[in-house]
């Protein structure tokens, strides 16, 4: 392979050739080189990247391949690459690192930038293992180099480095030096724009490391001054990067902002009014971020500042209100000309409206008098931009202020809106009007609202207008569907008669017509129509049950049609899958609706065989995967039918197995696990013949390192479902399932120093483990084999102790945990009594639950107390 190093340039160029044959051959050559001699391969790539004689195209690709050899999106692949790098020969790694650092002084900017990214990836692997300690020092020594491109590349590298590693990996002394270098590079007297831009972008990534520096007044003042100065740079990209820093500071250091907030207001309002869109958008984002912070603080502490909150609310939004609201209202008039934007389009008007909505949620009633004059002035203007902006402003402030404040205004506005939706010549205005109606129904209509805005007097007009709008352009139709969705939802709790009953048939017909529109693929229209149909069915009353039954036949016919289609292109197949998903989803809602009461359930049962047959055909029409929505619908059917579902299991079983094996598409796997739970509840002991296969697959899933973590909690709780269904027959699975539960319990017991997201997951995991224990103990109750469980009791009590001591259970876990304590006592009786008495915290835990405000926890605890006292008195 010696000559490979000579030829690698040519191969890298060929790998970018237009001719696919040449390209494929080159890719194959690179793959072989990598497999046969990894160290040689990586060395020749780093040599290529560092060599100034080589063409920039081959250097850039060499760097990219290096980067991909160090990192991957998938967790388990990333882990393999990290191990592979760590086990490489030290000399090889040193040579590669030397090449990378050398490339930072290259005159080719693409080569420098690629090297920056690769250095950060290597640092991401090595610094946490306390290797490459000299990296930061050698980068910082570059900062004083004369050529500005070296300075620029070094700052870029420091930025990527901070993005790649966590603050705990770099000691404070080095953090101080990095920040000093970065902030100096941002200074207005730095003559080179590229250096200043790289420094500003680097600061954005380094802010997470600056905790200590932001606590020091002098350092913080200096950083804030430099950032604010950079927002005034003549260079647009620097202004944008500096504004991004402000947004990040607003979120990370909200409690330190008070001295600077007036200056920031002046900077941002100037940017919103005068600067280019990318900078103006960041300026609005700053205020949206402050709203997010204040909404969180006010929600958590109900407005009262309590001792357990570290951060008081500074009411920045309330103080800025008189100036902030007019600035945001101006942005609403800067709409894009063409309406058919992509779903992901984002512009000044949308950002301004979004921020206005957050302001309304932050300050409530106070915003209303500030927006009403703008609405009244513009809503009837000849220019569509003014009418649309007024409507958007109105729709944006409907969440936050009290119904008392809004209802009188909405009552006046409603008929105006309905007329506009029918008659306004501009599609943009109609789109926003329909959206605003949806917001009115979402926040001001429903059983909790005192004064109804929808009355027998206007109900018919509202429905007529919405159904008419559903024939409009796709974007307007989609918003009209959305409004109808919230209209139906508001009548969810009305009981036997719903005001929508007289219109039910017409509404359903109109929605089905929308799903068949030629252009239903645009603006998510078909999906929106089905979602609305589901909600209309879900919230319907008994009087329309016979119509829902007719709908079953319609949907079965539609689903049947999708199965008849032959020889589809991959694009058509994807559309067909999506349509099958929507139809199965709708059938699922109908199954749940009709089976909720006996008479309608009896009527529905005539279709059970046909529906089940269709679901199985949906599965059969796919090769490797299981259809998620069909699986969910089957779960609903099993839950509804109960024991009689047994006859379908022989045909269904192979698809269950496919679903459980499919951990690449982990949602499918999780859904299938859930359906196994539904089957256990429906079939009870009749599930037994299938349990060996199911348990084998579940245990296999758990021991795979490729299983997505979100599937673990449902698998554990599925153990509980199975044990509850088959009782003492679960005996043969104890020796496999208990050790797995035990090791997961140990992992989830201690949570010191984890972030919120991890804590949320840990609580899901704990709940899954506890549900398993609960099902197992209840399943063995009154069986002669209960003594098999005695050896596991000490560990379970220890688990309960340790999660009680951590004090970070959520309510769901608390209820399940106290339940498990009761199950233990209930099933093991006197065998558990003494253990429970010896346990460290069961008594405290029980008392805490008994005095809980949550009645579910309290109920569970009352039951546990009785079970424990029975076990102890024996």
Foldseek 3Di string as FASTA:
>chain_A
DVCCLVCLLVLLVQCVDPDVVSNVVSVVVLVVCCVVPVLVSLLSLLVQLLDLVGDPSSNLVSLVVLQVLQADPAPVVNVVSLVVVVPDDPVSVVSSLVSLLNSLPHPDLSSLLSSLLSNLSVCLSVLVVVPPPCVLVVLLVQCPDDDVSSNLSSLLSLLSNLQRHALVSDDPVSLVSNLVSLLVQLAPPNPDPSSNLSSLSSVLSSVNNCVVQLVDVVSVVSSVVSLLVQCVDPDQSSVLSSLSSLLSCCQPVVQSCVVCLVVLVVSLLCCLVDNDWSNNLSSLSSLLNNLVVLLVQCVVVVQDDDDVDPGHNPPSLVVCVVPLLVSLLVQLLVDDDDDQDDPPDDTSNNSSLQSLLSSLQNPAPVCVVVLVVQLVVQCPDPDVSSVQSSLSNLLSNLPHHDLVSCVVVCLVCVVVLLCCLVDPPDPSSNLSSLLSLLSCLQRQAAPVHDDHSDDPVCVVSLVVSLLVQCVPPQSNVLSSLSSLLSNLVRLQPVAAAGPCVVVLVVLLVSLVVLLPDPVCVGPVNNVSSLSSLLSNLNRHHPVCLVVLLVVVVVLLVVLVVLLPDPDDDPVVVVVSLVSNLSSLQSLLSSLLRQLPDPVSNVVNVVCLVVLLVSLLSVQVVDDQAHRLSSLSSLLSNLLSVAQVCLVSCVSCVVNLLSQLQPQVPVSSNLSSLVSLLSNLRRNQQSCVVVVVSVLVSLLVLLPDPSHDLLSQLSSLLSLLSNLLRNFPVCVVVCVRNVVSLLVLLVVLLDDPPDDPVVVVSSLSNLLSSLSNLLSNLNSHAPPPPLVVCLVVLLSLLVSLVSNVVNPSHDPSSLQSSLLSLLSCLQRVALSCQVVCVPRDCNVVSLVVQCPDPDVSSNVSSVSSVVSNVRSNVD
